[in-house]
Amino acid sequence: MAFCVFSGGEVYQNHFEPGIYVCARCGYELFSSRAKYSHSSPWPTFTETIHSNSVSKYKERPGALKVLCGKCGNGLGHEFLKDGPGKGQSRF
């Protein structure tokens, strides 16, 4: 499943089949369906990456980190700190 290609209707927002979400540019593994959860965001949402180096991040603004593919640098969106489903969890 290629992640982060938005064309007005995100096809993976409500997709909960088992699998691995990969970078749309290079195919690198980013997130597991086991870390996916339902959220009001129009994007698919995850609590954690599949590998420690799946993504690279930098602070964009308070409470939000810009997230890039850890292999090719493709922009993936944001990590919102302490906005996940559990106490203290982040939301990708």
PDB file of N, CA and C in Angstrom:
ATOM      1  N   MET A   1       0.833  -1.168   0.000  1.00  0.00           N
ATOM      2  CA  MET A   1       0.000   0.000   0.000  1.00  0.00           C
ATOM      3  C   MET A   1       0.881   1.236   0.000  1.00  0.00           C
ATOM      4  N   ALA A   2       0.842   2.023  -1.021  1.00  0.00           N
ATOM      5  CA  ALA A   2       1.648   3.237  -1.086  1.00  0.00           C
ATOM      6  C   ALA A   2       1.007   4.319  -0.234  1.00  0.00           C
ATOM      7  N   PHE A   3       1.811   5.010   0.521  1.00  0.00           N
ATOM      8  CA  PHE A   3       1.314   5.993   1.466  1.00  0.00           C
ATOM      9  C   PHE A   3       1.658   7.401   1.026  1.00  0.00           C
ATOM     10  N   CYS A   4       0.766   8.296   1.281  1.00  0.00           N
ATOM     11  CA  CYS A   4       0.943   9.737   1.128  1.00  0.00           C
ATOM     12  C   CYS A   4       0.915  10.205  -0.323  1.00  0.00           C
ATOM     13  N   VAL A   5      -0.139   9.847  -0.995  1.00  0.00           N
ATOM     14  CA  VAL A   5      -0.435  10.446  -2.279  1.00  0.00           C
ATOM     15  C   VAL A   5      -1.870  10.933  -2.147  1.00  0.00           C
ATOM     16  N   PHE A   6      -2.090  12.238  -2.047  1.00  0.00           N
ATOM     17  CA  PHE A   6      -3.417  12.779  -1.810  1.00  0.00           C
ATOM     18  C   PHE A   6      -3.960  13.405  -3.073  1.00  0.00           C
ATOM     19  N   SER A   7      -5.137  12.980  -3.473  1.00  0.00           N
ATOM     20  CA  SER A   7      -5.754  13.531  -4.673  1.00  0.00           C
ATOM     21  C   SER A   7      -7.206  13.903  -4.411  1.00  0.00           C
ATOM     22  N   GLY A   8      -7.498  14.312  -3.181  1.00  0.00           N
ATOM     23  CA  GLY A   8      -8.853  14.743  -2.856  1.00  0.00           C
ATOM     24  C   GLY A   8      -9.674  13.699  -2.131  1.00  0.00           C
ATOM     25  N   GLY A   9      -9.303  12.460  -2.175  1.00  0.00           N
ATOM     26  CA  GLY A   9     -10.016  11.408  -1.479  1.00  0.00           C
ATOM     27  C   GLY A   9      -9.032  10.332  -1.066  1.00  0.00           C
ATOM     28  N   GLU A  10      -8.664  10.316   0.187  1.00  0.00           N
ATOM     29  CA  GLU A  10      -7.646   9.381   0.665  1.00  0.00           C
ATOM     30  C   GLU A  10      -8.222   7.971   0.730  1.00  0.00           C
ATOM     31  N   VAL A  11      -7.711   7.068  -0.078  1.00  0.00           N
ATOM     32  CA  VAL A  11      -8.252   5.712  -0.171  1.00  0.00           C
ATOM     33  C   VAL A  11      -7.886   4.836   1.023  1.00  0.00           C
ATOM     34  N   TYR A  12      -6.863   5.190   1.779  1.00  0.00           N
ATOM     35  CA  TYR A  12      -6.446   4.335   2.901  1.00  0.00           C
ATOM     36  C   TYR A  12      -6.918   4.822   4.263  1.00  0.00           C
ATOM     37  N   GLN A  13      -7.708   5.906   4.311  1.00  0.00           N
ATOM     38  CA  GLN A  13      -8.197   6.406   5.589  1.00  0.00           C
ATOM     39  C   GLN A  13      -9.000   5.325   6.326  1.00  0.00           C
ATOM     40  N   ASN A  14      -9.909   4.669   5.645  1.00  0.00           N
ATOM     41  CA  ASN A  14     -10.766   3.663   6.269  1.00  0.00           C
ATOM     42  C   ASN A  14     -10.399   2.245   5.837  1.00  0.00           C
ATOM     43  N   HIS A  15      -9.188   2.041   5.448  1.00  0.00           N
ATOM     44  CA  HIS A  15      -8.693   0.739   5.010  1.00  0.00           C
ATOM     45  C   HIS A  15      -7.994   0.073   6.191  1.00  0.00           C
ATOM     46  N   PHE A  16      -8.511  -1.055   6.645  1.00  0.00           N
ATOM     47  CA  PHE A  16      -7.942  -1.715   7.818  1.00  0.00           C
ATOM     48  C   PHE A  16      -7.542  -3.167   7.559  1.00  0.00           C
ATOM     49  N   GLU A  17      -7.262  -3.486   6.306  1.00  0.00           N
ATOM     50  CA  GLU A  17      -6.775  -4.825   5.973  1.00  0.00           C
ATOM     51  C   GLU A  17      -5.345  -4.985   6.489  1.00  0.00           C
ATOM     52  N   PRO A  18      -4.950  -6.199   6.890  1.00  0.00           N
ATOM     53  CA  PRO A  18      -3.566  -6.418   7.337  1.00  0.00           C
ATOM     54  C   PRO A  18      -2.573  -6.115   6.220  1.00  0.00           C
ATOM     55  N   GLY A  19      -1.464  -5.480   6.591  1.00  0.00           N
ATOM     56  CA  GLY A  19      -0.449  -5.189   5.593  1.00  0.00           C
ATOM     57  C   GLY A  19       0.545  -4.156   6.066  1.00  0.00           C
ATOM     58  N   ILE A  20       1.390  -3.750   5.146  1.00  0.00           N
ATOM     59  CA  ILE A  20       2.450  -2.779   5.404  1.00  0.00           C
ATOM     60  C   ILE A  20       2.228  -1.578   4.501  1.00  0.00           C
ATOM     61  N   TYR A  21       2.291  -0.389   5.060  1.00  0.00           N
ATOM     62  CA  TYR A  21       2.203   0.858   4.304  1.00  0.00           C
ATOM     63  C   TYR A  21       3.621   1.279   3.947  1.00  0.00           C
ATOM     64  N   VAL A  22       3.843   1.572   2.682  1.00  0.00           N
ATOM     65  CA  VAL A  22       5.177   1.883   2.177  1.00  0.00           C
ATOM     66  C   VAL A  22       5.210   3.277   1.561  1.00  0.00           C
ATOM     67  N   CYS A  23       6.394   3.806   1.388  1.00  0.00           N
ATOM     68  CA  CYS A  23       6.593   5.099   0.742  1.00  0.00           C
ATOM     69  C   CYS A  23       6.138   5.018  -0.712  1.00  0.00           C
ATOM     70  N   ALA A  24       5.361   6.001  -1.153  1.00  0.00           N
ATOM     71  CA  ALA A  24       4.873   6.023  -2.532  1.00  0.00           C
ATOM     72  C   ALA A  24       5.999   6.240  -3.534  1.00  0.00           C
ATOM     73  N   ARG A  25       7.092   6.838  -3.107  1.00  0.00           N
ATOM     74  CA  ARG A  25       8.205   7.120  -4.025  1.00  0.00           C
ATOM     75  C   ARG A  25       9.169   5.949  -4.135  1.00  0.00           C
ATOM     76  N   CYS A  26       9.607   5.383  -2.999  1.00  0.00           N
ATOM     77  CA  CYS A  26      10.674   4.373  -3.071  1.00  0.00           C
ATOM     78  C   CYS A  26      10.275   2.986  -2.574  1.00  0.00           C
ATOM     79  N   GLY A  27       9.092   2.838  -1.978  1.00  0.00           N
ATOM     80  CA  GLY A  27       8.641   1.526  -1.522  1.00  0.00           C
ATOM     81  C   GLY A  27       9.151   1.101  -0.156  1.00  0.00           C
ATOM     82  N   TYR A  28       9.841   2.002   0.571  1.00  0.00           N
ATOM     83  CA  TYR A  28      10.387   1.657   1.883  1.00  0.00           C
ATOM     84  C   TYR A  28       9.255   1.467   2.900  1.00  0.00           C
ATOM     85  N   GLU A  29       9.387   0.460   3.761  1.00  0.00           N
ATOM     86  CA  GLU A  29       8.365   0.165   4.762  1.00  0.00           C
ATOM     87  C   GLU A  29       8.273   1.284   5.799  1.00  0.00           C
ATOM     88  N   LEU A  30       7.042   1.797   6.007  1.00  0.00           N
ATOM     89  CA  LEU A  30       6.823   2.901   6.932  1.00  0.00           C
ATOM     90  C   LEU A  30       6.011   2.508   8.161  1.00  0.00           C
ATOM     91  N   PHE A  31       4.817   1.954   7.925  1.00  0.00           N
ATOM     92  CA  PHE A  31       3.897   1.650   9.016  1.00  0.00           C
ATOM     93  C   PHE A  31       3.260   0.281   8.816  1.00  0.00           C
ATOM     94  N   SER A  32       2.934  -0.367   9.912  1.00  0.00           N
ATOM     95  CA  SER A  32       2.196  -1.624   9.881  1.00  0.00           C
ATOM     96  C   SER A  32       0.722  -1.324  10.119  1.00  0.00           C
ATOM     97  N   SER A  33      -0.136  -2.126   9.528  1.00  0.00           N
ATOM     98  CA  SER A  33      -1.573  -1.970   9.771  1.00  0.00           C
ATOM     99  C   SER A  33      -1.910  -2.191  11.249  1.00  0.00           C
ATOM    100  N   ARG A  34      -1.049  -2.877  11.983  1.00  0.00           N
ATOM    101  CA  ARG A  34      -1.288  -3.092  13.417  1.00  0.00           C
ATOM    102  C   ARG A  34      -1.187  -1.793  14.217  1.00  0.00           C
ATOM    103  N   ALA A  35      -0.487  -0.790  13.673  1.00  0.00           N
ATOM    104  CA  ALA A  35      -0.339   0.499  14.352  1.00  0.00           C
ATOM    105  C   ALA A  35      -1.353   1.531  13.843  1.00  0.00           C
ATOM    106  N   LYS A  36      -2.249   1.123  12.962  1.00  0.00           N
ATOM    107  CA  LYS A  36      -3.237   2.033  12.376  1.00  0.00           C
ATOM    108  C   LYS A  36      -4.479   2.082  13.254  1.00  0.00           C
ATOM    109  N   TYR A  37      -5.091   3.268  13.327  1.00  0.00           N
ATOM    110  CA  TYR A  37      -6.333   3.397  14.082  1.00  0.00           C
ATOM    111  C   TYR A  37      -7.237   4.429  13.410  1.00  0.00           C
ATOM    112  N   SER A  38      -8.501   4.389  13.766  1.00  0.00           N
ATOM    113  CA  SER A  38      -9.481   5.296  13.190  1.00  0.00           C
ATOM    114  C   SER A  38      -9.371   6.672  13.846  1.00  0.00           C
ATOM    115  N   HIS A  39      -9.425   7.720  13.022  1.00  0.00           N
ATOM    116  CA  HIS A  39      -9.304   9.101  13.491  1.00  0.00           C
ATOM    117  C   HIS A  39     -10.091   9.998  12.553  1.00  0.00           C
ATOM    118  N   SER A  40     -10.474  11.172  13.025  1.00  0.00           N
ATOM    119  CA  SER A  40     -11.266  12.090  12.204  1.00  0.00           C
ATOM    120  C   SER A  40     -10.462  12.766  11.094  1.00  0.00           C
ATOM    121  N   SER A  41      -9.136  12.621  11.122  1.00  0.00           N
ATOM    122  CA  SER A  41      -8.286  13.185  10.077  1.00  0.00           C
ATOM    123  C   SER A  41      -8.625  12.547   8.733  1.00  0.00           C
ATOM    124  N   PRO A  42      -8.487  13.293   7.620  1.00  0.00           N
ATOM    125  CA  PRO A  42      -8.731  12.678   6.311  1.00  0.00           C
ATOM    126  C   PRO A  42      -7.610  11.721   5.888  1.00  0.00           C
ATOM    127  N   TRP A  43      -6.535  11.633   6.638  1.00  0.00           N
ATOM    128  CA  TRP A  43      -5.396  10.781   6.335  1.00  0.00           C
ATOM    129  C   TRP A  43      -5.447   9.493   7.157  1.00  0.00           C
ATOM    130  N   PRO A  44      -4.810   8.439   6.706  1.00  0.00           N
ATOM    131  CA  PRO A  44      -4.647   7.271   7.573  1.00  0.00           C
ATOM    132  C   PRO A  44      -3.785   7.676   8.774  1.00  0.00           C
ATOM    133  N   THR A  45      -4.070   7.150   9.933  1.00  0.00           N
ATOM    134  CA  THR A  45      -3.355   7.538  11.154  1.00  0.00           C
ATOM    135  C   THR A  45      -2.730   6.314  11.825  1.00  0.00           C
ATOM    136  N   PHE A  46      -1.537   6.524  12.371  1.00  0.00           N
ATOM    137  CA  PHE A  46      -0.748   5.454  12.973  1.00  0.00           C
ATOM    138  C   PHE A  46      -0.156   5.929  14.291  1.00  0.00           C
ATOM    139  N   THR A  47       0.148   4.974  15.174  1.00  0.00           N
ATOM    140  CA  THR A  47       0.766   5.309  16.454  1.00  0.00           C
ATOM    141  C   THR A  47       2.280   5.185  16.427  1.00  0.00           C
ATOM    142  N   GLU A  48       2.820   4.377  15.492  1.00  0.00           N
ATOM    143  CA  GLU A  48       4.271   4.173  15.459  1.00  0.00           C
ATOM    144  C   GLU A  48       4.707   3.697  14.082  1.00  0.00           C
ATOM    145  N   THR A  49       5.994   3.855  13.814  1.00  0.00           N
ATOM    146  CA  THR A  49       6.570   3.380  12.563  1.00  0.00           C
ATOM    147  C   THR A  49       6.919   1.900  12.683  1.00  0.00           C
ATOM    148  N   ILE A  50       7.135   1.271  11.547  1.00  0.00           N
ATOM    149  CA  ILE A  50       7.452  -0.158  11.551  1.00  0.00           C
ATOM    150  C   ILE A  50       8.918  -0.413  11.932  1.00  0.00           C
ATOM    151  N   HIS A  51       9.822   0.486  11.538  1.00  0.00           N
ATOM    152  CA  HIS A  51      11.238   0.388  11.887  1.00  0.00           C
ATOM    153  C   HIS A  51      11.665   1.694  12.561  1.00  0.00           C
ATOM    154  N   SER A  52      12.701   1.653  13.343  1.00  0.00           N
ATOM    155  CA  SER A  52      13.179   2.881  13.994  1.00  0.00           C
ATOM    156  C   SER A  52      13.668   3.907  12.978  1.00  0.00           C
ATOM    157  N   ASN A  53      14.080   3.445  11.792  1.00  0.00           N
ATOM    158  CA  ASN A  53      14.569   4.367  10.762  1.00  0.00           C
ATOM    159  C   ASN A  53      13.596   4.490   9.581  1.00  0.00           C
ATOM    160  N   SER A  54      12.335   4.116   9.791  1.00  0.00           N
ATOM    161  CA  SER A  54      11.350   4.230   8.714  1.00  0.00           C
ATOM    162  C   SER A  54      11.155   5.672   8.280  1.00  0.00           C
ATOM    163  N   VAL A  55      11.246   6.590   9.236  1.00  0.00           N
ATOM    164  CA  VAL A  55      11.048   8.002   8.931  1.00  0.00           C
ATOM    165  C   VAL A  55      12.152   8.841   9.562  1.00  0.00           C
ATOM    166  N   SER A  56      12.338  10.031   9.007  1.00  0.00           N
ATOM    167  CA  SER A  56      13.157  11.047   9.661  1.00  0.00           C
ATOM    168  C   SER A  56      12.205  12.188  10.006  1.00  0.00           C
ATOM    169  N   LYS A  57      12.545  12.960  11.024  1.00  0.00           N
ATOM    170  CA  LYS A  57      11.641  13.995  11.503  1.00  0.00           C
ATOM    171  C   LYS A  57      12.421  15.239  11.878  1.00  0.00           C
ATOM    172  N   TYR A  58      11.763  16.376  11.774  1.00  0.00           N
ATOM    173  CA  TYR A  58      12.310  17.619  12.312  1.00  0.00           C
ATOM    174  C   TYR A  58      11.153  18.474  12.814  1.00  0.00           C
ATOM    175  N   LYS A  59      11.445  19.300  13.810  1.00  0.00           N
ATOM    176  CA  LYS A  59      10.411  20.132  14.411  1.00  0.00           C
ATOM    177  C   LYS A  59       9.960  21.190  13.413  1.00  0.00           C
ATOM    178  N   GLU A  60       8.659  21.214  13.148  1.00  0.00           N
ATOM    179  CA  GLU A  60       8.106  22.204  12.239  1.00  0.00           C
ATOM    180  C   GLU A  60       7.423  23.333  13.004  1.00  0.00           C
ATOM    181  N   ARG A  61       6.730  22.959  14.083  1.00  0.00           N
ATOM    182  CA  ARG A  61       6.068  23.927  14.952  1.00  0.00           C
ATOM    183  C   ARG A  61       5.808  23.245  16.284  1.00  0.00           C
ATOM    184  N   PRO A  62       5.456  23.991  17.331  1.00  0.00           N
ATOM    185  CA  PRO A  62       5.216  23.348  18.622  1.00  0.00           C
ATOM    186  C   PRO A  62       4.153  22.246  18.512  1.00  0.00           C
ATOM    187  N   GLY A  63       4.489  21.080  18.990  1.00  0.00           N
ATOM    188  CA  GLY A  63       3.568  19.956  18.981  1.00  0.00           C
ATOM    189  C   GLY A  63       3.496  19.174  17.684  1.00  0.00           C
ATOM    190  N   ALA A  64       4.280  19.577  16.677  1.00  0.00           N
ATOM    191  CA  ALA A  64       4.219  18.877  15.391  1.00  0.00           C
ATOM    192  C   ALA A  64       5.600  18.766  14.768  1.00  0.00           C
ATOM    193  N   LEU A  65       5.910  17.564  14.314  1.00  0.00           N
ATOM    194  CA  LEU A  65       7.163  17.298  13.612  1.00  0.00           C
ATOM    195  C   LEU A  65       6.853  17.003  12.155  1.00  0.00           C
ATOM    196  N   LYS A  66       7.653  17.511  11.260  1.00  0.00           N
ATOM    197  CA  LYS A  66       7.542  17.168   9.840  1.00  0.00           C
ATOM    198  C   LYS A  66       8.143  15.780   9.666  1.00  0.00           C
ATOM    199  N   VAL A  67       7.470  14.904   8.937  1.00  0.00           N
ATOM    200  CA  VAL A  67       7.888  13.511   8.783  1.00  0.00           C
ATOM    201  C   VAL A  67       8.227  13.244   7.318  1.00  0.00           C
ATOM    202  N   LEU A  68       9.395  12.627   7.106  1.00  0.00           N
ATOM    203  CA  LEU A  68       9.885  12.274   5.773  1.00  0.00           C
ATOM    204  C   LEU A  68      10.230  10.792   5.735  1.00  0.00           C
ATOM    205  N   CYS A  69      10.191  10.202   4.568  1.00  0.00           N
ATOM    206  CA  CYS A  69      10.634   8.818   4.416  1.00  0.00           C
ATOM    207  C   CYS A  69      12.084   8.733   4.868  1.00  0.00           C
ATOM    208  N   GLY A  70      12.391   7.737   5.665  1.00  0.00           N
ATOM    209  CA  GLY A  70      13.742   7.562   6.174  1.00  0.00           C
ATOM    210  C   GLY A  70      14.745   7.130   5.125  1.00  0.00           C
ATOM    211  N   LYS A  71      14.275   6.696   3.971  1.00  0.00           N
ATOM    212  CA  LYS A  71      15.188   6.249   2.917  1.00  0.00           C
ATOM    213  C   LYS A  71      15.382   7.308   1.836  1.00  0.00           C
ATOM    214  N   CYS A  72      14.295   7.866   1.304  1.00  0.00           N
ATOM    215  CA  CYS A  72      14.421   8.778   0.153  1.00  0.00           C
ATOM    216  C   CYS A  72      14.085  10.233   0.466  1.00  0.00           C
ATOM    217  N   GLY A  73      13.532  10.514   1.650  1.00  0.00           N
ATOM    218  CA  GLY A  73      13.213  11.884   2.017  1.00  0.00           C
ATOM    219  C   GLY A  73      11.879  12.394   1.503  1.00  0.00           C
ATOM    220  N   ASN A  74      11.048  11.535   0.944  1.00  0.00           N
ATOM    221  CA  ASN A  74       9.726  11.920   0.465  1.00  0.00           C
ATOM    222  C   ASN A  74       8.897  12.451   1.635  1.00  0.00           C
ATOM    223  N   GLY A  75       8.224  13.579   1.453  1.00  0.00           N
ATOM    224  CA  GLY A  75       7.383  14.143   2.504  1.00  0.00           C
ATOM    225  C   GLY A  75       6.164  13.279   2.773  1.00  0.00           C
ATOM    226  N   LEU A  76       5.946  12.946   4.051  1.00  0.00           N
ATOM    227  CA  LEU A  76       4.838  12.064   4.429  1.00  0.00           C
ATOM    228  C   LEU A  76       3.767  12.765   5.242  1.00  0.00           C
ATOM    229  N   GLY A  77       4.058  13.926   5.769  1.00  0.00           N
ATOM    230  CA  GLY A  77       3.078  14.609   6.605  1.00  0.00           C
ATOM    231  C   GLY A  77       3.691  15.011   7.926  1.00  0.00           C
ATOM    232  N   HIS A  78       2.973  14.727   9.014  1.00  0.00           N
ATOM    233  CA  HIS A  78       3.401  15.178  10.334  1.00  0.00           C
ATOM    234  C   HIS A  78       3.235  14.103  11.398  1.00  0.00           C
ATOM    235  N   GLU A  79       3.979  14.273  12.464  1.00  0.00           N
ATOM    236  CA  GLU A  79       3.741  13.535  13.700  1.00  0.00           C
ATOM    237  C   GLU A  79       3.231  14.570  14.689  1.00  0.00           C
ATOM    238  N   PHE A  80       2.024  14.345  15.206  1.00  0.00           N
ATOM    239  CA  PHE A  80       1.435  15.250  16.180  1.00  0.00           C
ATOM    240  C   PHE A  80       1.671  14.657  17.561  1.00  0.00           C
ATOM    241  N   LEU A  81       2.477  15.347  18.338  1.00  0.00           N
ATOM    242  CA  LEU A  81       2.906  14.857  19.641  1.00  0.00           C
ATOM    243  C   LEU A  81       1.759  14.847  20.641  1.00  0.00           C
ATOM    244  N   LYS A  82       1.633  13.736  21.351  1.00  0.00           N
ATOM    245  CA  LYS A  82       0.617  13.537  22.395  1.00  0.00           C
ATOM    246  C   LYS A  82      -0.799  13.727  21.877  1.00  0.00           C
ATOM    247  N   ASP A  83      -1.041  13.344  20.618  1.00  0.00           N
ATOM    248  CA  ASP A  83      -2.365  13.449  20.016  1.00  0.00           C
ATOM    249  C   ASP A  83      -2.839  12.089  19.517  1.00  0.00           C
ATOM    250  N   GLY A  84      -2.242  11.015  20.036  1.00  0.00           N
ATOM    251  CA  GLY A  84      -2.616   9.671  19.625  1.00  0.00           C
ATOM    252  C   GLY A  84      -3.775   9.125  20.447  1.00  0.00           C
ATOM    253  N   PRO A  85      -4.117   7.874  20.239  1.00  0.00           N
ATOM    254  CA  PRO A  85      -5.271   7.281  20.928  1.00  0.00           C
ATOM    255  C   PRO A  85      -5.020   6.994  22.404  1.00  0.00           C
ATOM    256  N   GLY A  86      -3.756   6.818  22.790  1.00  0.00           N
ATOM    257  CA  GLY A  86      -3.427   6.526  24.178  1.00  0.00           C
ATOM    258  C   GLY A  86      -2.708   7.686  24.838  1.00  0.00           C
ATOM    259  N   LYS A  87      -2.703   7.700  26.124  1.00  0.00           N
ATOM    260  CA  LYS A  87      -2.049   8.779  26.852  1.00  0.00           C
ATOM    261  C   LYS A  87      -0.572   8.860  26.481  1.00  0.00           C
ATOM    262  N   GLY A  88      -0.145  10.048  26.045  1.00  0.00           N
ATOM    263  CA  GLY A  88       1.240  10.272  25.679  1.00  0.00           C
ATOM    264  C   GLY A  88       1.644   9.783  24.308  1.00  0.00           C
ATOM    265  N   GLN A  89       0.750   9.115  23.580  1.00  0.00           N
ATOM    266  CA  GLN A  89       1.092   8.608  22.243  1.00  0.00           C
ATOM    267  C   GLN A  89       1.004   9.722  21.204  1.00  0.00           C
ATOM    268  N   SER A  90       1.842   9.610  20.207  1.00  0.00           N
ATOM    269  CA  SER A  90       1.804  10.533  19.081  1.00  0.00           C
ATOM    270  C   SER A  90       0.909   9.970  17.982  1.00  0.00           C
ATOM    271  N   ARG A  91       0.559  10.844  17.063  1.00  0.00           N
ATOM    272  CA  ARG A  91      -0.251  10.454  15.897  1.00  0.00           C
ATOM    273  C   ARG A  91       0.525  10.825  14.641  1.00  0.00           C
ATOM    274  N   PHE A  92       0.751   9.813  13.791  1.00  0.00           N
ATOM    275  CA  PHE A  92       1.364  10.051  12.482  1.00  0.00           C
ATOM    276  C   PHE A  92       0.248  10.162  11.471  1.00  0.00           C
TER     277      PHE A  92
END
